Amino acid sequence: MTTPRSGRLHHVEIWVRDLTASRASLGWLFQELGYTPGESWPHGTSYIGSHDYIVLESGPDVLDLQHRRCGPGLNHLAFVAGSRARVDELTAEAVARGFILLFTDVHPHAGGQAHYAAYLEDLAGFEIELVADDAAAG
């Protein structure tokens, strides 16, 4: 039986001020999560997933403003990252690469005791949540 495509996320386009920095931070993390590099052009690049893709783009139409995750608009993207151990591993590597671990006082249960996740913010202000696929486990 074919799974309906209607309603499934097709792609996300993230406009960034510094494409090189975003490739090194967000692009690295997307690849660690299983996305593969796709097309690249002077002002952008894509990362291909199994059912969707993500674009990082910086061009003449991108305003020279800092992203504000707590302002109106997109707050964060959340990805299933694998086991709790994999979430911890990715979190440590992301922090070593300049990401900021958010909600440290309640990490890794900022989403509740049954939710094991890391909330990370890159230097441009984009938040990524890494969720353990065994988040409800003991």
N, C-alpha and C. Protein backbone atom coordinates (compact mmCIF):
# COMPACT_ATOMS: atom_id res chain seq x y z
N MET A 1 0.85 -1.18 0.00
CA MET A 1 0.00 0.00 0.00
C MET A 1 0.89 1.25 0.00
N THR A 2 0.57 2.19 -0.82
CA THR A 2 1.34 3.42 -0.94
C THR A 2 0.94 4.39 0.17
N THR A 3 1.95 4.99 0.81
CA THR A 3 1.70 5.99 1.84
C THR A 3 1.35 7.30 1.17
N PRO A 4 0.23 7.93 1.61
CA PRO A 4 -0.14 9.22 0.99
C PRO A 4 0.92 10.29 1.26
N ARG A 5 1.17 11.12 0.27
CA ARG A 5 2.16 12.19 0.42
C ARG A 5 1.51 13.46 0.92
N SER A 6 0.20 13.60 0.79
CA SER A 6 -0.46 14.82 1.20
C SER A 6 -0.23 15.08 2.69
N GLY A 7 0.16 16.29 3.01
CA GLY A 7 0.38 16.67 4.39
C GLY A 7 1.79 16.41 4.90
N ARG A 8 2.58 15.65 4.17
CA ARG A 8 3.96 15.36 4.58
C ARG A 8 4.83 16.58 4.27
N LEU A 9 5.75 16.88 5.15
CA LEU A 9 6.67 17.98 4.92
C LEU A 9 7.49 17.70 3.67
N HIS A 10 7.58 18.66 2.79
CA HIS A 10 8.34 18.52 1.55
C HIS A 10 9.76 19.07 1.72
N HIS A 11 9.88 20.31 2.20
CA HIS A 11 11.19 20.88 2.45
C HIS A 11 11.07 22.06 3.40
N VAL A 12 12.19 22.43 3.96
CA VAL A 12 12.32 23.60 4.82
C VAL A 12 13.44 24.45 4.24
N GLU A 13 13.20 25.73 4.11
CA GLU A 13 14.23 26.64 3.63
C GLU A 13 14.59 27.61 4.75
N ILE A 14 15.84 27.60 5.12
CA ILE A 14 16.32 28.46 6.20
C ILE A 14 17.23 29.52 5.58
N TRP A 15 16.83 30.76 5.72
CA TRP A 15 17.66 31.85 5.23
C TRP A 15 18.65 32.22 6.31
N VAL A 16 19.90 32.33 5.93
CA VAL A 16 20.98 32.59 6.88
C VAL A 16 21.80 33.78 6.42
N ARG A 17 22.44 34.44 7.36
CA ARG A 17 23.31 35.58 7.00
C ARG A 17 24.66 35.11 6.52
N ASP A 18 25.19 34.05 7.15
CA ASP A 18 26.54 33.58 6.84
C ASP A 18 26.46 32.11 6.41
N LEU A 19 26.43 31.89 5.11
CA LEU A 19 26.27 30.54 4.57
C LEU A 19 27.42 29.63 4.98
N THR A 20 28.64 30.14 4.95
CA THR A 20 29.79 29.31 5.33
C THR A 20 29.67 28.84 6.77
N ALA A 21 29.33 29.73 7.68
CA ALA A 21 29.17 29.36 9.09
C ALA A 21 28.00 28.39 9.27
N SER A 22 26.91 28.60 8.56
CA SER A 22 25.75 27.72 8.69
C SER A 22 26.01 26.34 8.11
N ARG A 23 26.79 26.27 7.03
CA ARG A 23 27.19 24.95 6.52
C ARG A 23 28.01 24.20 7.56
N ALA A 24 28.89 24.92 8.28
CA ALA A 24 29.76 24.29 9.27
C ALA A 24 28.99 23.88 10.52
N SER A 25 27.91 24.57 10.85
CA SER A 25 27.15 24.23 12.06
C SER A 25 25.91 23.42 11.71
N LEU A 26 24.93 24.05 11.14
CA LEU A 26 23.68 23.34 10.80
C LEU A 26 23.92 22.25 9.77
N GLY A 27 24.70 22.54 8.75
CA GLY A 27 24.97 21.54 7.72
C GLY A 27 25.64 20.31 8.29
N TRP A 28 26.61 20.52 9.18
CA TRP A 28 27.26 19.39 9.85
C TRP A 28 26.22 18.56 10.61
N LEU A 29 25.37 19.23 11.37
CA LEU A 29 24.38 18.51 12.18
C LEU A 29 23.38 17.77 11.30
N PHE A 30 22.92 18.40 10.22
CA PHE A 30 22.00 17.71 9.31
C PHE A 30 22.63 16.43 8.76
N GLN A 31 23.90 16.50 8.41
CA GLN A 31 24.58 15.31 7.89
C GLN A 31 24.71 14.24 8.98
N GLU A 32 24.97 14.63 10.20
CA GLU A 32 25.04 13.67 11.30
C GLU A 32 23.69 12.99 11.53
N LEU A 33 22.61 13.69 11.19
CA LEU A 33 21.26 13.15 11.35
C LEU A 33 20.81 12.33 10.14
N GLY A 34 21.69 12.15 9.16
CA GLY A 34 21.39 11.29 8.03
C GLY A 34 21.06 11.99 6.73
N TYR A 35 21.06 13.32 6.73
CA TYR A 35 20.84 14.06 5.49
C TYR A 35 22.14 14.04 4.68
N THR A 36 22.02 14.00 3.37
CA THR A 36 23.20 14.01 2.53
C THR A 36 23.26 15.33 1.76
N PRO A 37 24.47 15.83 1.50
CA PRO A 37 24.57 17.07 0.74
C PRO A 37 23.91 16.92 -0.63
N GLY A 38 23.15 17.91 -0.99
CA GLY A 38 22.49 17.92 -2.30
C GLY A 38 23.12 18.99 -3.18
N GLU A 39 22.28 19.68 -3.90
CA GLU A 39 22.77 20.74 -4.79
C GLU A 39 23.36 21.89 -3.99
N SER A 40 24.36 22.53 -4.58
CA SER A 40 24.92 23.76 -4.03
C SER A 40 24.97 24.80 -5.12
N TRP A 41 24.83 26.03 -4.76
CA TRP A 41 24.91 27.15 -5.69
C TRP A 41 25.57 28.30 -4.93
N PRO A 42 25.91 29.39 -5.58
CA PRO A 42 26.69 30.44 -4.90
C PRO A 42 26.08 30.94 -3.58
N HIS A 43 24.76 30.96 -3.47
CA HIS A 43 24.12 31.49 -2.27
C HIS A 43 23.37 30.44 -1.47
N GLY A 44 23.62 29.15 -1.73
CA GLY A 44 22.86 28.15 -0.98
C GLY A 44 23.35 26.74 -1.15
N THR A 45 22.74 25.87 -0.39
CA THR A 45 23.04 24.45 -0.44
C THR A 45 21.84 23.69 0.11
N SER A 46 21.72 22.44 -0.29
CA SER A 46 20.60 21.63 0.21
C SER A 46 21.12 20.36 0.84
N TYR A 47 20.30 19.80 1.72
CA TYR A 47 20.59 18.55 2.41
C TYR A 47 19.37 17.66 2.23
N ILE A 48 19.59 16.48 1.68
CA ILE A 48 18.51 15.60 1.27
C ILE A 48 18.26 14.52 2.32
N GLY A 49 17.00 14.42 2.76
CA GLY A 49 16.58 13.38 3.69
C GLY A 49 15.82 12.30 2.96
N SER A 50 15.25 11.38 3.68
CA SER A 50 14.54 10.27 3.04
C SER A 50 13.20 10.71 2.46
N HIS A 51 12.57 11.72 3.03
CA HIS A 51 11.26 12.17 2.53
C HIS A 51 11.17 13.68 2.36
N ASP A 52 12.25 14.38 2.67
CA ASP A 52 12.22 15.83 2.63
C ASP A 52 13.63 16.35 2.35
N TYR A 53 13.76 17.64 2.26
CA TYR A 53 15.09 18.24 2.16
C TYR A 53 15.10 19.58 2.86
N ILE A 54 16.30 20.01 3.21
CA ILE A 54 16.49 21.28 3.92
C ILE A 54 17.43 22.14 3.08
N VAL A 55 17.10 23.41 2.96
CA VAL A 55 17.91 24.36 2.20
C VAL A 55 18.47 25.40 3.16
N LEU A 56 19.74 25.68 3.04
CA LEU A 56 20.35 26.84 3.68
C LEU A 56 20.64 27.83 2.57
N GLU A 57 20.15 29.05 2.72
CA GLU A 57 20.33 30.01 1.64
C GLU A 57 20.65 31.39 2.20
N SER A 58 21.62 32.04 1.54
CA SER A 58 22.00 33.40 1.89
C SER A 58 22.24 34.13 0.58
N GLY A 59 21.49 35.14 0.36
CA GLY A 59 21.63 35.88 -0.89
C GLY A 59 21.24 37.32 -0.68
N PRO A 60 21.09 38.04 -1.76
CA PRO A 60 20.82 39.48 -1.66
C PRO A 60 19.47 39.81 -1.02
N ASP A 61 18.53 38.86 -0.97
CA ASP A 61 17.23 39.13 -0.37
C ASP A 61 17.20 38.88 1.14
N VAL A 62 18.25 38.27 1.68
CA VAL A 62 18.30 38.00 3.12
C VAL A 62 18.67 39.28 3.85
N LEU A 63 17.82 39.67 4.78
CA LEU A 63 18.08 40.88 5.55
C LEU A 63 19.23 40.66 6.52
N ASP A 64 19.96 41.72 6.79
CA ASP A 64 21.11 41.63 7.70
C ASP A 64 20.63 41.79 9.14
N LEU A 65 19.84 40.82 9.58
CA LEU A 65 19.29 40.81 10.94
C LEU A 65 19.62 39.49 11.61
N GLN A 66 19.71 39.51 12.93
CA GLN A 66 19.92 38.28 13.70
C GLN A 66 18.60 37.51 13.76
N HIS A 67 18.65 36.19 13.63
CA HIS A 67 17.47 35.36 13.81
C HIS A 67 17.04 35.43 15.26
N ARG A 68 15.73 35.50 15.50
CA ARG A 68 15.20 35.57 16.86
C ARG A 68 14.23 34.41 17.05
N ARG A 69 14.69 33.32 17.65
CA ARG A 69 13.87 32.13 17.79
C ARG A 69 12.65 32.36 18.68
N CYS A 70 12.70 33.36 19.56
CA CYS A 70 11.56 33.62 20.44
C CYS A 70 10.62 34.67 19.86
N GLY A 71 10.94 35.18 18.67
CA GLY A 71 10.05 36.11 18.01
C GLY A 71 9.01 35.35 17.20
N PRO A 72 8.05 36.06 16.62
CA PRO A 72 7.06 35.39 15.77
C PRO A 72 7.76 34.64 14.64
N GLY A 73 7.22 33.51 14.28
CA GLY A 73 7.81 32.69 13.23
C GLY A 73 8.28 31.36 13.78
N LEU A 74 9.14 30.72 13.06
CA LEU A 74 9.63 29.40 13.44
C LEU A 74 10.50 29.48 14.69
N ASN A 75 10.18 28.67 15.70
CA ASN A 75 10.98 28.63 16.92
C ASN A 75 12.13 27.65 16.78
N HIS A 76 11.85 26.42 16.35
CA HIS A 76 12.92 25.44 16.20
C HIS A 76 12.48 24.28 15.33
N LEU A 77 13.47 23.49 14.89
CA LEU A 77 13.22 22.24 14.19
C LEU A 77 13.61 21.11 15.13
N ALA A 78 12.80 20.07 15.19
CA ALA A 78 13.09 18.92 16.04
C ALA A 78 13.30 17.69 15.17
N PHE A 79 14.35 16.93 15.49
CA PHE A 79 14.69 15.73 14.73
C PHE A 79 14.84 14.55 15.68
N VAL A 80 14.36 13.39 15.25
CA VAL A 80 14.69 12.15 15.95
C VAL A 80 16.16 11.90 15.67
N ALA A 81 16.94 11.71 16.74
CA ALA A 81 18.39 11.62 16.59
C ALA A 81 18.94 10.24 16.91
N GLY A 82 18.08 9.30 17.28
CA GLY A 82 18.56 7.96 17.64
C GLY A 82 18.41 7.73 19.13
N SER A 83 19.28 6.91 19.66
CA SER A 83 19.21 6.53 21.07
C SER A 83 19.60 7.71 21.98
N ARG A 84 19.36 7.54 23.27
CA ARG A 84 19.80 8.55 24.24
C ARG A 84 21.31 8.75 24.15
N ALA A 85 22.04 7.68 24.00
CA ALA A 85 23.50 7.78 23.88
C ALA A 85 23.88 8.61 22.65
N ARG A 86 23.16 8.43 21.54
CA ARG A 86 23.45 9.19 20.32
C ARG A 86 23.11 10.67 20.52
N VAL A 87 22.01 10.96 21.21
CA VAL A 87 21.67 12.35 21.52
C VAL A 87 22.80 12.98 22.34
N ASP A 88 23.28 12.25 23.34
CA ASP A 88 24.36 12.77 24.18
C ASP A 88 25.64 12.99 23.37
N GLU A 89 25.95 12.04 22.49
CA GLU A 89 27.14 12.15 21.64
C GLU A 89 27.05 13.36 20.71
N LEU A 90 25.91 13.51 20.04
CA LEU A 90 25.73 14.65 19.13
C LEU A 90 25.75 15.97 19.90
N THR A 91 25.17 15.97 21.08
CA THR A 91 25.14 17.19 21.90
C THR A 91 26.55 17.62 22.26
N ALA A 92 27.36 16.68 22.72
CA ALA A 92 28.75 17.00 23.09
C ALA A 92 29.52 17.54 21.89
N GLU A 93 29.36 16.90 20.74
CA GLU A 93 30.08 17.34 19.54
C GLU A 93 29.57 18.71 19.08
N ALA A 94 28.25 18.94 19.15
CA ALA A 94 27.67 20.22 18.74
C ALA A 94 28.19 21.35 19.64
N VAL A 95 28.22 21.11 20.94
CA VAL A 95 28.72 22.13 21.87
C VAL A 95 30.20 22.41 21.57
N ALA A 96 30.97 21.38 21.28
CA ALA A 96 32.38 21.57 20.93
C ALA A 96 32.53 22.39 19.64
N ARG A 97 31.50 22.36 18.78
CA ARG A 97 31.52 23.10 17.52
C ARG A 97 30.90 24.49 17.66
N GLY A 98 30.52 24.89 18.87
CA GLY A 98 30.02 26.24 19.08
C GLY A 98 28.53 26.37 19.34
N PHE A 99 27.77 25.28 19.27
CA PHE A 99 26.36 25.35 19.63
C PHE A 99 26.24 25.62 21.13
N ILE A 100 25.15 26.24 21.53
CA ILE A 100 24.86 26.49 22.93
C ILE A 100 23.78 25.51 23.37
N LEU A 101 24.01 24.79 24.46
CA LEU A 101 23.00 23.90 25.02
C LEU A 101 22.03 24.75 25.82
N LEU A 102 20.76 24.71 25.44
CA LEU A 102 19.72 25.49 26.12
C LEU A 102 19.12 24.69 27.27
N PHE A 103 18.48 25.38 28.19
CA PHE A 103 17.73 24.76 29.30
C PHE A 103 18.60 23.79 30.10
N THR A 104 19.84 24.21 30.37
CA THR A 104 20.79 23.32 31.04
C THR A 104 20.31 22.88 32.42
N ASP A 105 19.48 23.68 33.07
CA ASP A 105 19.01 23.33 34.41
C ASP A 105 18.06 22.13 34.41
N VAL A 106 17.48 21.82 33.27
CA VAL A 106 16.55 20.68 33.19
C VAL A 106 16.93 19.69 32.07
N HIS A 107 18.08 19.90 31.47
CA HIS A 107 18.57 19.00 30.42
C HIS A 107 18.83 17.62 31.02
N PRO A 108 18.49 16.55 30.38
CA PRO A 108 17.92 16.36 29.05
C PRO A 108 16.40 16.20 29.04
N HIS A 109 15.75 16.70 30.11
CA HIS A 109 14.29 16.51 30.22
C HIS A 109 13.54 17.85 30.17
N ALA A 110 14.02 18.80 29.37
CA ALA A 110 13.36 20.10 29.27
C ALA A 110 11.94 19.97 28.72
N GLY A 111 11.68 18.91 27.97
CA GLY A 111 10.34 18.69 27.43
C GLY A 111 9.48 17.81 28.33
N GLY A 112 9.95 17.52 29.54
CA GLY A 112 9.23 16.66 30.48
C GLY A 112 10.03 15.40 30.77
N GLN A 113 9.70 14.75 31.86
CA GLN A 113 10.46 13.58 32.30
C GLN A 113 10.45 12.44 31.30
N ALA A 114 9.41 12.31 30.52
CA ALA A 114 9.33 11.22 29.54
C ALA A 114 9.94 11.59 28.19
N HIS A 115 10.49 12.79 28.09
CA HIS A 115 11.03 13.30 26.82
C HIS A 115 12.52 13.55 26.98
N TYR A 116 13.36 12.74 26.33
CA TYR A 116 14.81 12.86 26.41
C TYR A 116 15.28 13.57 25.16
N ALA A 117 15.79 14.78 25.34
CA ALA A 117 16.18 15.58 24.18
C ALA A 117 17.21 16.62 24.56
N ALA A 118 17.91 17.12 23.55
CA ALA A 118 18.82 18.25 23.71
C ALA A 118 18.30 19.39 22.85
N TYR A 119 18.29 20.57 23.42
CA TYR A 119 17.89 21.77 22.70
C TYR A 119 19.15 22.58 22.47
N LEU A 120 19.51 22.76 21.22
CA LEU A 120 20.77 23.40 20.85
C LEU A 120 20.50 24.64 20.01
N GLU A 121 21.31 25.67 20.23
CA GLU A 121 21.21 26.89 19.43
C GLU A 121 22.56 27.16 18.79
N ASP A 122 22.55 27.37 17.47
CA ASP A 122 23.82 27.70 16.82
C ASP A 122 24.13 29.18 17.02
N LEU A 123 25.30 29.60 16.60
CA LEU A 123 25.73 30.99 16.85
C LEU A 123 24.86 32.02 16.13
N ALA A 124 24.11 31.59 15.11
CA ALA A 124 23.21 32.50 14.40
C ALA A 124 21.84 32.59 15.06
N GLY A 125 21.61 31.77 16.10
CA GLY A 125 20.35 31.83 16.82
C GLY A 125 19.32 30.79 16.43
N PHE A 126 19.66 29.85 15.54
CA PHE A 126 18.72 28.81 15.13
C PHE A 126 18.74 27.69 16.16
N GLU A 127 17.56 27.24 16.56
CA GLU A 127 17.44 26.17 17.54
C GLU A 127 17.10 24.85 16.86
N ILE A 128 17.81 23.83 17.27
CA ILE A 128 17.56 22.47 16.81
C ILE A 128 17.34 21.61 18.04
N GLU A 129 16.29 20.80 18.03
CA GLU A 129 16.03 19.85 19.12
C GLU A 129 16.37 18.46 18.62
N LEU A 130 17.18 17.76 19.40
CA LEU A 130 17.55 16.37 19.09
C LEU A 130 16.80 15.48 20.08
N VAL A 131 15.88 14.65 19.55
CA VAL A 131 15.02 13.82 20.38
C VAL A 131 15.47 12.38 20.30
N ALA A 132 15.57 11.73 21.46
CA ALA A 132 15.91 10.31 21.49
C ALA A 132 14.69 9.50 21.04
N ASP A 133 14.92 8.51 20.18
CA ASP A 133 13.79 7.69 19.73
C ASP A 133 13.33 6.73 20.82
N ASP A 134 14.11 6.62 21.88
CA ASP A 134 13.69 5.84 23.04
C ASP A 134 13.37 6.78 24.20
N ALA A 135 12.86 7.99 23.84
CA ALA A 135 12.63 9.03 24.83
C ALA A 135 11.69 8.62 25.94
N ALA A 136 10.76 7.73 25.66
CA ALA A 136 9.81 7.32 26.68
C ALA A 136 10.33 6.14 27.50
N ALA A 137 11.51 5.64 27.15
CA ALA A 137 12.06 4.49 27.88
C ALA A 137 12.52 4.92 29.26
N GLY A 138 12.49 3.96 30.21
CA GLY A 138 12.89 4.10 31.60
C GLY A 138 13.70 5.27 31.88
